[in-house]
Amino acid sequence: VLGLAHVFLWRVFAWTRETKRLSPLTARVFAVHTFFVAFVLVLLGA
């Protein structure tokens, strides 16, 4: 549930707005790392 909730956490914490202030590379690294944290949570949870 926590892994899947990262979709909603992205909106709750306004990460799209926050990442606009970052360089494009840093914003993408943040997004990819967020995805992989969520993915690991889903895998370990499953």
ModelCIF file with pLDDT and N, C-alpha, C, O atoms, coordinates in Angstrom:
data_MODEL
#
_entry.id   MODEL 
#
_entity.id                         1 
_entity.type                       polymer 
_entity.pdbx_number_of_molecules   1 
#
_entity_poly.entity_id                      1 
_entity_poly.type                           'polypeptide(L)' 
_entity_poly.nstd_linkage                   no 
_entity_poly.nstd_monomer                   no 
_entity_poly.pdbx_seq_one_letter_code       VLGLAHVFLWRVFAWTRETKRLSPLTARVFAVHTFFVAFVLVLLGA 
_entity_poly.pdbx_seq_one_letter_code_can   VLGLAHVFLWRVFAWTRETKRLSPLTARVFAVHTFFVAFVLVLLGA 
_entity_poly.pdbx_strand_id                 A 
#
loop_
_entity_poly_seq.entity_id 
_entity_poly_seq.num 
_entity_poly_seq.mon_id 
_entity_poly_seq.hetero 
1 1  VAL n 
1 2  LEU n 
1 3  GLY n 
1 4  LEU n 
1 5  ALA n 
1 6  HIS n 
1 7  VAL n 
1 8  PHE n 
1 9  LEU n 
1 10 TRP n 
1 11 ARG n 
1 12 VAL n 
1 13 PHE n 
1 14 ALA n 
1 15 TRP n 
1 16 THR n 
1 17 ARG n 
1 18 GLU n 
1 19 THR n 
1 20 LYS n 
1 21 ARG n 
1 22 LEU n 
1 23 SER n 
1 24 PRO n 
1 25 LEU n 
1 26 THR n 
1 27 ALA n 
1 28 ARG n 
1 29 VAL n 
1 30 PHE n 
1 31 ALA n 
1 32 VAL n 
1 33 HIS n 
1 34 THR n 
1 35 PHE n 
1 36 PHE n 
1 37 VAL n 
1 38 ALA n 
1 39 PHE n 
1 40 VAL n 
1 41 LEU n 
1 42 VAL n 
1 43 LEU n 
1 44 LEU n 
1 45 GLY n 
1 46 ALA n 
#
_struct_asym.id          A 
_struct_asym.entity_id   1 
#
loop_
_ma_qa_metric.id 
_ma_qa_metric.mode 
_ma_qa_metric.name 
_ma_qa_metric.software_group_id 
_ma_qa_metric.type 
1 global pLDDT . pLDDT 
2 local  pLDDT . pLDDT 
#
_ma_qa_metric_global.metric_id      1 
_ma_qa_metric_global.metric_value   95.41 
_ma_qa_metric_global.model_id       1 
_ma_qa_metric_global.ordinal_id     1 
#
loop_
_ma_qa_metric_local.label_asym_id 
_ma_qa_metric_local.label_comp_id 
_ma_qa_metric_local.label_seq_id 
_ma_qa_metric_local.metric_id 
_ma_qa_metric_local.metric_value 
_ma_qa_metric_local.model_id 
_ma_qa_metric_local.ordinal_id 
A VAL 1  2 98.00 1 1  
A LEU 2  2 97.00 1 2  
A GLY 3  2 97.00 1 3  
A LEU 4  2 97.00 1 4  
A ALA 5  2 96.00 1 5  
A HIS 6  2 95.00 1 6  
A VAL 7  2 93.00 1 7  
A PHE 8  2 93.00 1 8  
A LEU 9  2 91.00 1 9  
A TRP 10 2 92.00 1 10 
A ARG 11 2 91.00 1 11 
A VAL 12 2 86.00 1 12 
A PHE 13 2 85.00 1 13 
A ALA 14 2 91.00 1 14 
A TRP 15 2 93.00 1 15 
A THR 16 2 94.00 1 16 
A ARG 17 2 95.00 1 17 
A GLU 18 2 92.00 1 18 
A THR 19 2 95.00 1 19 
A LYS 20 2 95.00 1 20 
A ARG 21 2 96.00 1 21 
A LEU 22 2 96.00 1 22 
A SER 23 2 97.00 1 23 
A PRO 24 2 96.00 1 24 
A LEU 25 2 97.00 1 25 
A THR 26 2 97.00 1 26 
A ALA 27 2 97.00 1 27 
A ARG 28 2 97.00 1 28 
A VAL 29 2 97.00 1 29 
A PHE 30 2 96.00 1 30 
A ALA 31 2 96.00 1 31 
A VAL 32 2 97.00 1 32 
A HIS 33 2 97.00 1 33 
A THR 34 2 96.00 1 34 
A PHE 35 2 97.00 1 35 
A PHE 36 2 97.00 1 36 
A VAL 37 2 97.00 1 37 
A ALA 38 2 98.00 1 38 
A PHE 39 2 98.00 1 39 
A VAL 40 2 97.00 1 40 
A LEU 41 2 98.00 1 41 
A VAL 42 2 98.00 1 42 
A LEU 43 2 98.00 1 43 
A LEU 44 2 97.00 1 44 
A GLY 45 2 98.00 1 45 
A ALA 46 2 98.00 1 46 
#
loop_
_atom_site.group_PDB 
_atom_site.id 
_atom_site.type_symbol 
_atom_site.label_atom_id 
_atom_site.label_alt_id 
_atom_site.label_comp_id 
_atom_site.label_asym_id 
_atom_site.label_entity_id 
_atom_site.label_seq_id 
_atom_site.pdbx_PDB_ins_code 
_atom_site.Cartn_x 
_atom_site.Cartn_y 
_atom_site.Cartn_z 
_atom_site.occupancy 
_atom_site.B_iso_or_equiv 
_atom_site.pdbx_formal_charge 
_atom_site.auth_seq_id 
_atom_site.auth_comp_id 
_atom_site.auth_asym_id 
_atom_site.auth_atom_id 
_atom_site.pdbx_PDB_model_num 
ATOM 1   N N  . VAL A 1 1  ? 0.839  -1.206  0.000   1.00 98.00 ? 1  VAL A N  1 
ATOM 2   C CA . VAL A 1 1  ? 0.000  0.000   0.000   1.00 98.00 ? 1  VAL A CA 1 
ATOM 3   C C  . VAL A 1 1  ? 0.871  1.253   0.000   1.00 98.00 ? 1  VAL A C  1 
ATOM 4   O O  . VAL A 1 1  ? 0.610  2.190   -0.754  1.00 98.00 ? 1  VAL A O  1 
ATOM 5   N N  . LEU A 1 2  ? 1.902  1.273   0.839   1.00 97.00 ? 2  LEU A N  1 
ATOM 6   C CA . LEU A 1 2  ? 2.798  2.436   0.892   1.00 97.00 ? 2  LEU A CA 1 
ATOM 7   C C  . LEU A 1 2  ? 3.501  2.644   -0.450  1.00 97.00 ? 2  LEU A C  1 
ATOM 8   O O  . LEU A 1 2  ? 3.625  3.777   -0.916  1.00 97.00 ? 2  LEU A O  1 
ATOM 9   N N  . GLY A 1 3  ? 3.956  1.570   -1.063  1.00 97.00 ? 3  GLY A N  1 
ATOM 10  C CA . GLY A 1 3  ? 4.601  1.692   -2.370  1.00 97.00 ? 3  GLY A CA 1 
ATOM 11  C C  . GLY A 1 3  ? 3.658  2.271   -3.411  1.00 97.00 ? 3  GLY A C  1 
ATOM 12  O O  . GLY A 1 3  ? 4.033  3.173   -4.161  1.00 97.00 ? 3  GLY A O  1 
ATOM 13  N N  . LEU A 1 4  ? 2.441  1.759   -3.458  1.00 97.00 ? 4  LEU A N  1 
ATOM 14  C CA . LEU A 1 4  ? 1.454  2.261   -4.415  1.00 97.00 ? 4  LEU A CA 1 
ATOM 15  C C  . LEU A 1 4  ? 1.012  3.680   -4.070  1.00 97.00 ? 4  LEU A C  1 
ATOM 16  O O  . LEU A 1 4  ? 0.654  4.454   -4.958  1.00 97.00 ? 4  LEU A O  1 
ATOM 17  N N  . ALA A 1 5  ? 1.035  4.016   -2.792  1.00 96.00 ? 5  ALA A N  1 
ATOM 18  C CA . ALA A 1 5  ? 0.619  5.359   -2.359  1.00 96.00 ? 5  ALA A CA 1 
ATOM 19  C C  . ALA A 1 5  ? 1.571  6.447   -2.839  1.00 96.00 ? 5  ALA A C  1 
ATOM 20  O O  . ALA A 1 5  ? 1.231  7.629   -2.788  1.00 96.00 ? 5  ALA A O  1 
ATOM 21  N N  . HIS A 1 6  ? 2.749  6.069   -3.301  1.00 95.00 ? 6  HIS A N  1 
ATOM 22  C CA . HIS A 1 6  ? 3.690  7.080   -3.793  1.00 95.00 ? 6  HIS A CA 1 
ATOM 23  C C  . HIS A 1 6  ? 3.107  7.880   -4.963  1.00 95.00 ? 6  HIS A C  1 
ATOM 24  O O  . HIS A 1 6  ? 3.510  9.019   -5.198  1.00 95.00 ? 6  HIS A O  1 
ATOM 25  N N  . VAL A 1 7  ? 2.171  7.291   -5.687  1.00 93.00 ? 7  VAL A N  1 
ATOM 26  C CA . VAL A 1 7  ? 1.486  8.037   -6.746  1.00 93.00 ? 7  VAL A CA 1 
ATOM 27  C C  . VAL A 1 7  ? 0.751  9.224   -6.128  1.00 93.00 ? 7  VAL A C  1 
ATOM 28  O O  . VAL A 1 7  ? 0.791  10.332  -6.665  1.00 93.00 ? 7  VAL A O  1 
ATOM 29  N N  . PHE A 1 8  ? 0.086  8.993   -5.006  1.00 93.00 ? 8  PHE A N  1 
ATOM 30  C CA . PHE A 1 8  ? -0.656 10.055  -4.326  1.00 93.00 ? 8  PHE A CA 1 
ATOM 31  C C  . PHE A 1 8  ? 0.274  10.978  -3.540  1.00 93.00 ? 8  PHE A C  1 
ATOM 32  O O  . PHE A 1 8  ? 0.030  12.179  -3.433  1.00 93.00 ? 8  PHE A O  1 
ATOM 33  N N  . LEU A 1 9  ? 1.344  10.397  -2.992  1.00 91.00 ? 9  LEU A N  1 
ATOM 34  C CA . LEU A 1 9  ? 2.306  11.231  -2.252  1.00 91.00 ? 9  LEU A CA 1 
ATOM 35  C C  . LEU A 1 9  ? 2.927  12.269  -3.173  1.00 91.00 ? 9  LEU A C  1 
ATOM 36  O O  . LEU A 1 9  ? 3.226  13.385  -2.748  1.00 91.00 ? 9  LEU A O  1 
ATOM 37  N N  . TRP A 1 10 ? 3.118  11.901  -4.431  1.00 92.00 ? 10 TRP A N  1 
ATOM 38  C CA . TRP A 1 10 ? 3.670  12.838  -5.404  1.00 92.00 ? 10 TRP A CA 1 
ATOM 39  C C  . TRP A 1 10 ? 2.795  14.101  -5.463  1.00 92.00 ? 10 TRP A C  1 
ATOM 40  O O  . TRP A 1 10 ? 3.301  15.222  -5.528  1.00 92.00 ? 10 TRP A O  1 
ATOM 41  N N  . ARG A 1 11 ? 1.472  13.890  -5.439  1.00 91.00 ? 11 ARG A N  1 
ATOM 42  C CA . ARG A 1 11 ? 0.546  15.025  -5.488  1.00 91.00 ? 11 ARG A CA 1 
ATOM 43  C C  . ARG A 1 11 ? 0.428  15.727  -4.139  1.00 91.00 ? 11 ARG A C  1 
ATOM 44  O O  . ARG A 1 11 ? 0.436  16.956  -4.076  1.00 91.00 ? 11 ARG A O  1 
ATOM 45  N N  . VAL A 1 12 ? 0.320  14.958  -3.067  1.00 86.00 ? 12 VAL A N  1 
ATOM 46  C CA . VAL A 1 12 ? 0.156  15.536  -1.726  1.00 86.00 ? 12 VAL A CA 1 
ATOM 47  C C  . VAL A 1 12 ? 1.320  16.460  -1.387  1.00 86.00 ? 12 VAL A C  1 
ATOM 48  O O  . VAL A 1 12 ? 1.119  17.543  -0.837  1.00 86.00 ? 12 VAL A O  1 
ATOM 49  N N  . PHE A 1 13 ? 2.525  16.035  -1.713  1.00 85.00 ? 13 PHE A N  1 
ATOM 50  C CA . PHE A 1 13 ? 3.710  16.832  -1.402  1.00 85.00 ? 13 PHE A CA 1 
ATOM 51  C C  . PHE A 1 13 ? 4.098  17.774  -2.546  1.00 85.00 ? 13 PHE A C  1 
ATOM 52  O O  . PHE A 1 13 ? 5.135  18.434  -2.488  1.00 85.00 ? 13 PHE A O  1 
ATOM 53  N N  . ALA A 1 14 ? 3.263  17.832  -3.578  1.00 91.00 ? 14 ALA A N  1 
ATOM 54  C CA . ALA A 1 14 ? 3.461  18.747  -4.711  1.00 91.00 ? 14 ALA A CA 1 
ATOM 55  C C  . ALA A 1 14 ? 4.858  18.619  -5.305  1.00 91.00 ? 14 ALA A C  1 
ATOM 56  O O  . ALA A 1 14 ? 5.528  19.617  -5.571  1.00 91.00 ? 14 ALA A O  1 
ATOM 57  N N  . TRP A 1 15 ? 5.285  17.381  -5.508  1.00 93.00 ? 15 TRP A N  1 
ATOM 58  C CA . TRP A 1 15 ? 6.639  17.156  -6.013  1.00 93.00 ? 15 TRP A CA 1 
ATOM 59  C C  . TRP A 1 15 ? 6.815  17.625  -7.448  1.00 93.00 ? 15 TRP A C  1 
ATOM 60  O O  . TRP A 1 15 ? 7.937  17.937  -7.848  1.00 93.00 ? 15 TRP A O  1 
ATOM 61  N N  . THR A 1 16 ? 5.753  17.686  -8.232  1.00 94.00 ? 16 THR A N  1 
ATOM 62  C CA . THR A 1 16 ? 5.878  18.221  -9.592  1.00 94.00 ? 16 THR A CA 1 
ATOM 63  C C  . THR A 1 16 ? 6.285  19.686  -9.523  1.00 94.00 ? 16 THR A C  1 
ATOM 64  O O  . THR A 1 16 ? 7.197  20.113  -10.231 1.00 94.00 ? 16 THR A O  1 
ATOM 65  N N  . ARG A 1 17 ? 5.618  20.449  -8.679  1.00 95.00 ? 17 ARG A N  1 
ATOM 66  C CA . ARG A 1 17 ? 5.982  21.860  -8.497  1.00 95.00 ? 17 ARG A CA 1 
ATOM 67  C C  . ARG A 1 17 ? 7.390  22.000  -7.919  1.00 95.00 ? 17 ARG A C  1 
ATOM 68  O O  . ARG A 1 17 ? 8.163  22.853  -8.355  1.00 95.00 ? 17 ARG A O  1 
ATOM 69  N N  . GLU A 1 18 ? 7.714  21.171  -6.950  1.00 92.00 ? 18 GLU A N  1 
ATOM 70  C CA . GLU A 1 18 ? 9.030  21.238  -6.308  1.00 92.00 ? 18 GLU A CA 1 
ATOM 71  C C  . GLU A 1 18 ? 10.152 20.908  -7.293  1.00 92.00 ? 18 GLU A C  1 
ATOM 72  O O  . GLU A 1 18 ? 11.205 21.545  -7.274  1.00 92.00 ? 18 GLU A O  1 
ATOM 73  N N  . THR A 1 19 ? 9.927  19.922  -8.144  1.00 95.00 ? 19 THR A N  1 
ATOM 74  C CA . THR A 1 19 ? 10.999 19.516  -9.063  1.00 95.00 ? 19 THR A CA 1 
ATOM 75  C C  . THR A 1 19 ? 11.224 20.528  -10.182 1.00 95.00 ? 19 THR A C  1 
ATOM 76  O O  . THR A 1 19 ? 12.272 20.507  -10.828 1.00 95.00 ? 19 THR A O  1 
ATOM 77  N N  . LYS A 1 20 ? 10.263 21.410  -10.418 1.00 95.00 ? 20 LYS A N  1 
ATOM 78  C CA . LYS A 1 20 ? 10.458 22.444  -11.441 1.00 95.00 ? 20 LYS A CA 1 
ATOM 79  C C  . LYS A 1 20 ? 11.581 23.407  -11.056 1.00 95.00 ? 20 LYS A C  1 
ATOM 80  O O  . LYS A 1 20 ? 12.179 24.050  -11.918 1.00 95.00 ? 20 LYS A O  1 
ATOM 81  N N  . ARG A 1 21 ? 11.864 23.502  -9.745  1.00 96.00 ? 21 ARG A N  1 
ATOM 82  C CA . ARG A 1 21 ? 12.933 24.377  -9.280  1.00 96.00 ? 21 ARG A CA 1 
ATOM 83  C C  . ARG A 1 21 ? 14.310 23.722  -9.391  1.00 96.00 ? 21 ARG A C  1 
ATOM 84  O O  . ARG A 1 21 ? 15.330 24.373  -9.164  1.00 96.00 ? 21 ARG A O  1 
ATOM 85  N N  . LEU A 1 22 ? 14.337 22.446  -9.737  1.00 96.00 ? 22 LEU A N  1 
ATOM 86  C CA . LEU A 1 22 ? 15.589 21.706  -9.856  1.00 96.00 ? 22 LEU A CA 1 
ATOM 87  C C  . LEU A 1 22 ? 16.077 21.719  -11.296 1.00 96.00 ? 22 LEU A C  1 
ATOM 88  O O  . LEU A 1 22 ? 15.330 22.029  -12.224 1.00 96.00 ? 22 LEU A O  1 
ATOM 89  N N  . SER A 1 23 ? 17.341 21.378  -11.459 1.00 97.00 ? 23 SER A N  1 
ATOM 90  C CA . SER A 1 23 ? 17.837 21.200  -12.827 1.00 97.00 ? 23 SER A CA 1 
ATOM 91  C C  . SER A 1 23 ? 17.112 19.998  -13.430 1.00 97.00 ? 23 SER A C  1 
ATOM 92  O O  . SER A 1 23 ? 16.655 19.126  -12.692 1.00 97.00 ? 23 SER A O  1 
ATOM 93  N N  . PRO A 1 24 ? 17.000 19.937  -14.751 1.00 96.00 ? 24 PRO A N  1 
ATOM 94  C CA . PRO A 1 24 ? 16.295 18.801  -15.364 1.00 96.00 ? 24 PRO A CA 1 
ATOM 95  C C  . PRO A 1 24 ? 16.879 17.446  -14.957 1.00 96.00 ? 24 PRO A C  1 
ATOM 96  O O  . PRO A 1 24 ? 16.130 16.500  -14.714 1.00 96.00 ? 24 PRO A O  1 
ATOM 97  N N  . LEU A 1 25 ? 18.197 17.345  -14.882 1.00 97.00 ? 25 LEU A N  1 
ATOM 98  C CA . LEU A 1 25 ? 18.807 16.068  -14.493 1.00 97.00 ? 25 LEU A CA 1 
ATOM 99  C C  . LEU A 1 25 ? 18.447 15.706  -13.056 1.00 97.00 ? 25 LEU A C  1 
ATOM 100 O O  . LEU A 1 25 ? 18.059 14.570  -12.784 1.00 97.00 ? 25 LEU A O  1 
ATOM 101 N N  . THR A 1 26 ? 18.571 16.651  -12.145 1.00 97.00 ? 26 THR A N  1 
ATOM 102 C CA . THR A 1 26 ? 18.262 16.382  -10.736 1.00 97.00 ? 26 THR A CA 1 
ATOM 103 C C  . THR A 1 26 ? 16.793 16.033  -10.569 1.00 97.00 ? 26 THR A C  1 
ATOM 104 O O  . THR A 1 26 ? 16.453 15.147  -9.786  1.00 97.00 ? 26 THR A O  1 
ATOM 105 N N  . ALA A 1 27 ? 15.921 16.717  -11.294 1.00 97.00 ? 27 ALA A N  1 
ATOM 106 C CA . ALA A 1 27 ? 14.492 16.406  -11.230 1.00 97.00 ? 27 ALA A CA 1 
ATOM 107 C C  . ALA A 1 27 ? 14.218 14.980  -11.697 1.00 97.00 ? 27 ALA A C  1 
ATOM 108 O O  . ALA A 1 27 ? 13.410 14.268  -11.102 1.00 97.00 ? 27 ALA A O  1 
ATOM 109 N N  . ARG A 1 28 ? 14.892 14.574  -12.758 1.00 97.00 ? 28 ARG A N  1 
ATOM 110 C CA . ARG A 1 28 ? 14.687 13.206  -13.264 1.00 97.00 ? 28 ARG A CA 1 
ATOM 111 C C  . ARG A 1 28 ? 15.261 12.172  -12.317 1.00 97.00 ? 28 ARG A C  1 
ATOM 112 O O  . ARG A 1 28 ? 14.661 11.114  -12.121 1.00 97.00 ? 28 ARG A O  1 
ATOM 113 N N  . VAL A 1 29 ? 16.409 12.457  -11.725 1.00 97.00 ? 29 VAL A N  1 
ATOM 114 C CA . VAL A 1 29 ? 16.991 11.539  -10.747 1.00 97.00 ? 29 VAL A CA 1 
ATOM 115 C C  . VAL A 1 29 ? 16.027 11.369  -9.579  1.00 97.00 ? 29 VAL A C  1 
ATOM 116 O O  . VAL A 1 29 ? 15.795 10.251  -9.121  1.00 97.00 ? 29 VAL A O  1 
ATOM 117 N N  . PHE A 1 30 ? 15.463 12.480  -9.093  1.00 96.00 ? 30 PHE A N  1 
ATOM 118 C CA . PHE A 1 30 ? 14.498 12.424  -8.000  1.00 96.00 ? 30 PHE A CA 1 
ATOM 119 C C  . PHE A 1 30 ? 13.294 11.563  -8.389  1.00 96.00 ? 30 PHE A C  1 
ATOM 120 O O  . PHE A 1 30 ? 12.868 10.710  -7.610  1.00 96.00 ? 30 PHE A O  1 
ATOM 121 N N  . ALA A 1 31 ? 12.752 11.778  -9.570  1.00 96.00 ? 31 ALA A N  1 
ATOM 122 C CA . ALA A 1 31 ? 11.577 11.025  -10.020 1.00 96.00 ? 31 ALA A CA 1 
ATOM 123 C C  . ALA A 1 31 ? 11.902 9.535   -10.154 1.00 96.00 ? 31 ALA A C  1 
ATOM 124 O O  . ALA A 1 31 ? 11.118 8.688   -9.725  1.00 96.00 ? 31 ALA A O  1 
ATOM 125 N N  . VAL A 1 32 ? 13.039 9.219   -10.739 1.00 97.00 ? 32 VAL A N  1 
ATOM 126 C CA . VAL A 1 32 ? 13.423 7.810   -10.916 1.00 97.00 ? 32 VAL A CA 1 
ATOM 127 C C  . VAL A 1 32 ? 13.674 7.151   -9.563  1.00 97.00 ? 32 VAL A C  1 
ATOM 128 O O  . VAL A 1 32 ? 13.256 6.015   -9.343  1.00 97.00 ? 32 VAL A O  1 
ATOM 129 N N  . HIS A 1 33 ? 14.345 7.844   -8.667  1.00 97.00 ? 33 HIS A N  1 
ATOM 130 C CA . HIS A 1 33 ? 14.589 7.265   -7.343  1.00 97.00 ? 33 HIS A CA 1 
ATOM 131 C C  . HIS A 1 33 ? 13.286 7.072   -6.573  1.00 97.00 ? 33 HIS A C  1 
ATOM 132 O O  . HIS A 1 33 ? 13.133 6.085   -5.853  1.00 97.00 ? 33 HIS A O  1 
ATOM 133 N N  . THR A 1 34 ? 12.362 7.991   -6.716  1.00 96.00 ? 34 THR A N  1 
ATOM 134 C CA . THR A 1 34 ? 11.056 7.840   -6.067  1.00 96.00 ? 34 THR A CA 1 
ATOM 135 C C  . THR A 1 34 ? 10.348 6.601   -6.616  1.00 96.00 ? 34 THR A C  1 
ATOM 136 O O  . THR A 1 34 ? 9.766  5.824   -5.860  1.00 96.00 ? 34 THR A O  1 
ATOM 137 N N  . PHE A 1 35 ? 10.403 6.427   -7.935  1.00 97.00 ? 35 PHE A N  1 
ATOM 138 C CA . PHE A 1 35 ? 9.792  5.243   -8.545  1.00 97.00 ? 35 PHE A CA 1 
ATOM 139 C C  . PHE A 1 35 ? 10.427 3.966   -7.994  1.00 97.00 ? 35 PHE A C  1 
ATOM 140 O O  . PHE A 1 35 ? 9.718  3.026   -7.635  1.00 97.00 ? 35 PHE A O  1 
ATOM 141 N N  . PHE A 1 36 ? 11.754 3.929   -7.926  1.00 97.00 ? 36 PHE A N  1 
ATOM 142 C CA . PHE A 1 36 ? 12.418 2.707   -7.477  1.00 97.00 ? 36 PHE A CA 1 
ATOM 143 C C  . PHE A 1 36 ? 12.198 2.435   -5.994  1.00 97.00 ? 36 PHE A C  1 
ATOM 144 O O  . PHE A 1 36 ? 12.116 1.273   -5.597  1.00 97.00 ? 36 PHE A O  1 
ATOM 145 N N  . VAL A 1 37 ? 12.100 3.458   -5.173  1.00 97.00 ? 37 VAL A N  1 
ATOM 146 C CA . VAL A 1 37 ? 11.755 3.247   -3.764  1.00 97.00 ? 37 VAL A CA 1 
ATOM 147 C C  . VAL A 1 37 ? 10.359 2.621   -3.695  1.00 97.00 ? 37 VAL A C  1 
ATOM 148 O O  . VAL A 1 37 ? 10.152 1.640   -2.981  1.00 97.00 ? 37 VAL A O  1 
ATOM 149 N N  . ALA A 1 38 ? 9.421  3.179   -4.422  1.00 98.00 ? 38 ALA A N  1 
ATOM 150 C CA . ALA A 1 38 ? 8.063  2.634   -4.435  1.00 98.00 ? 38 ALA A CA 1 
ATOM 151 C C  . ALA A 1 38 ? 8.053  1.198   -4.952  1.00 98.00 ? 38 ALA A C  1 
ATOM 152 O O  . ALA A 1 38 ? 7.354  0.341   -4.412  1.00 98.00 ? 38 ALA A O  1 
ATOM 153 N N  . PHE A 1 39 ? 8.826  0.945   -5.991  1.00 98.00 ? 39 PHE A N  1 
ATOM 154 C CA . PHE A 1 39 ? 8.903  -0.397  -6.583  1.00 98.00 ? 39 PHE A CA 1 
ATOM 155 C C  . PHE A 1 39 ? 9.476  -1.407  -5.586  1.00 98.00 ? 39 PHE A C  1 
ATOM 156 O O  . PHE A 1 39 ? 8.957  -2.516  -5.461  1.00 98.00 ? 39 PHE A O  1 
ATOM 157 N N  . VAL A 1 40 ? 10.532 -1.033  -4.886  1.00 97.00 ? 40 VAL A N  1 
ATOM 158 C CA . VAL A 1 40 ? 11.129 -1.918  -3.872  1.00 97.00 ? 40 VAL A CA 1 
ATOM 159 C C  . VAL A 1 40 ? 10.125 -2.178  -2.749  1.00 97.00 ? 40 VAL A C  1 
ATOM 160 O O  . VAL A 1 40 ? 10.014 -3.305  -2.268  1.00 97.00 ? 40 VAL A O  1 
ATOM 161 N N  . LEU A 1 41 ? 9.399  -1.148  -2.330  1.00 98.00 ? 41 LEU A N  1 
ATOM 162 C CA . LEU A 1 41 ? 8.382  -1.342  -1.289  1.00 98.00 ? 41 LEU A CA 1 
ATOM 163 C C  . LEU A 1 41 ? 7.319  -2.347  -1.743  1.00 98.00 ? 41 LEU A C  1 
ATOM 164 O O  . LEU A 1 41 ? 6.910  -3.215  -0.972  1.00 98.00 ? 41 LEU A O  1 
ATOM 165 N N  . VAL A 1 42 ? 6.879  -2.225  -2.983  1.00 98.00 ? 42 VAL A N  1 
ATOM 166 C CA . VAL A 1 42 ? 5.870  -3.164  -3.497  1.00 98.00 ? 42 VAL A CA 1 
ATOM 167 C C  . VAL A 1 42 ? 6.451  -4.581  -3.564  1.00 98.00 ? 42 VAL A C  1 
ATOM 168 O O  . VAL A 1 42 ? 5.786  -5.540  -3.174  1.00 98.00 ? 42 VAL A O  1 
ATOM 169 N N  . LEU A 1 43 ? 7.675  -4.714  -4.051  1.00 98.00 ? 43 LEU A N  1 
ATOM 170 C CA . LEU A 1 43 ? 8.283  -6.050  -4.150  1.00 98.00 ? 43 LEU A CA 1 
ATOM 171 C C  . LEU A 1 43 ? 8.505  -6.682  -2.783  1.00 98.00 ? 43 LEU A C  1 
ATOM 172 O O  . LEU A 1 43 ? 8.135  -7.836  -2.568  1.00 98.00 ? 43 LEU A O  1 
ATOM 173 N N  . LEU A 1 44 ? 9.107  -5.938  -1.854  1.00 97.00 ? 44 LEU A N  1 
ATOM 174 C CA . LEU A 1 44 ? 9.331  -6.479  -0.510  1.00 97.00 ? 44 LEU A CA 1 
ATOM 175 C C  . LEU A 1 44 ? 8.002  -6.772  0.173   1.00 97.00 ? 44 LEU A C  1 
ATOM 176 O O  . LEU A 1 44 ? 7.856  -7.779  0.867   1.00 97.00 ? 44 LEU A O  1 
ATOM 177 N N  . GLY A 1 45 ? 7.044  -5.892  -0.030  1.00 98.00 ? 45 GLY A N  1 
ATOM 178 C CA . GLY A 1 45 ? 5.726  -6.110  0.549   1.00 98.00 ? 45 GLY A CA 1 
ATOM 179 C C  . GLY A 1 45 ? 5.055  -7.350  -0.006  1.00 98.00 ? 45 GLY A C  1 
ATOM 180 O O  . GLY A 1 45 ? 4.480  -8.143  0.740   1.00 98.00 ? 45 GLY A O  1 
ATOM 181 N N  . ALA A 1 46 ? 5.130  -7.516  -1.318  1.00 98.00 ? 46 ALA A N  1 
ATOM 182 C CA . ALA A 1 46 ? 4.521  -8.697  -1.945  1.00 98.00 ? 46 ALA A CA 1 
ATOM 183 C C  . ALA A 1 46 ? 5.193  -9.978  -1.453  1.00 98.00 ? 46 ALA A C  1 
ATOM 184 O O  . ALA A 1 46 ? 4.816  -11.073 -1.870  1.00 98.00 ? 46 ALA A O  1 
#
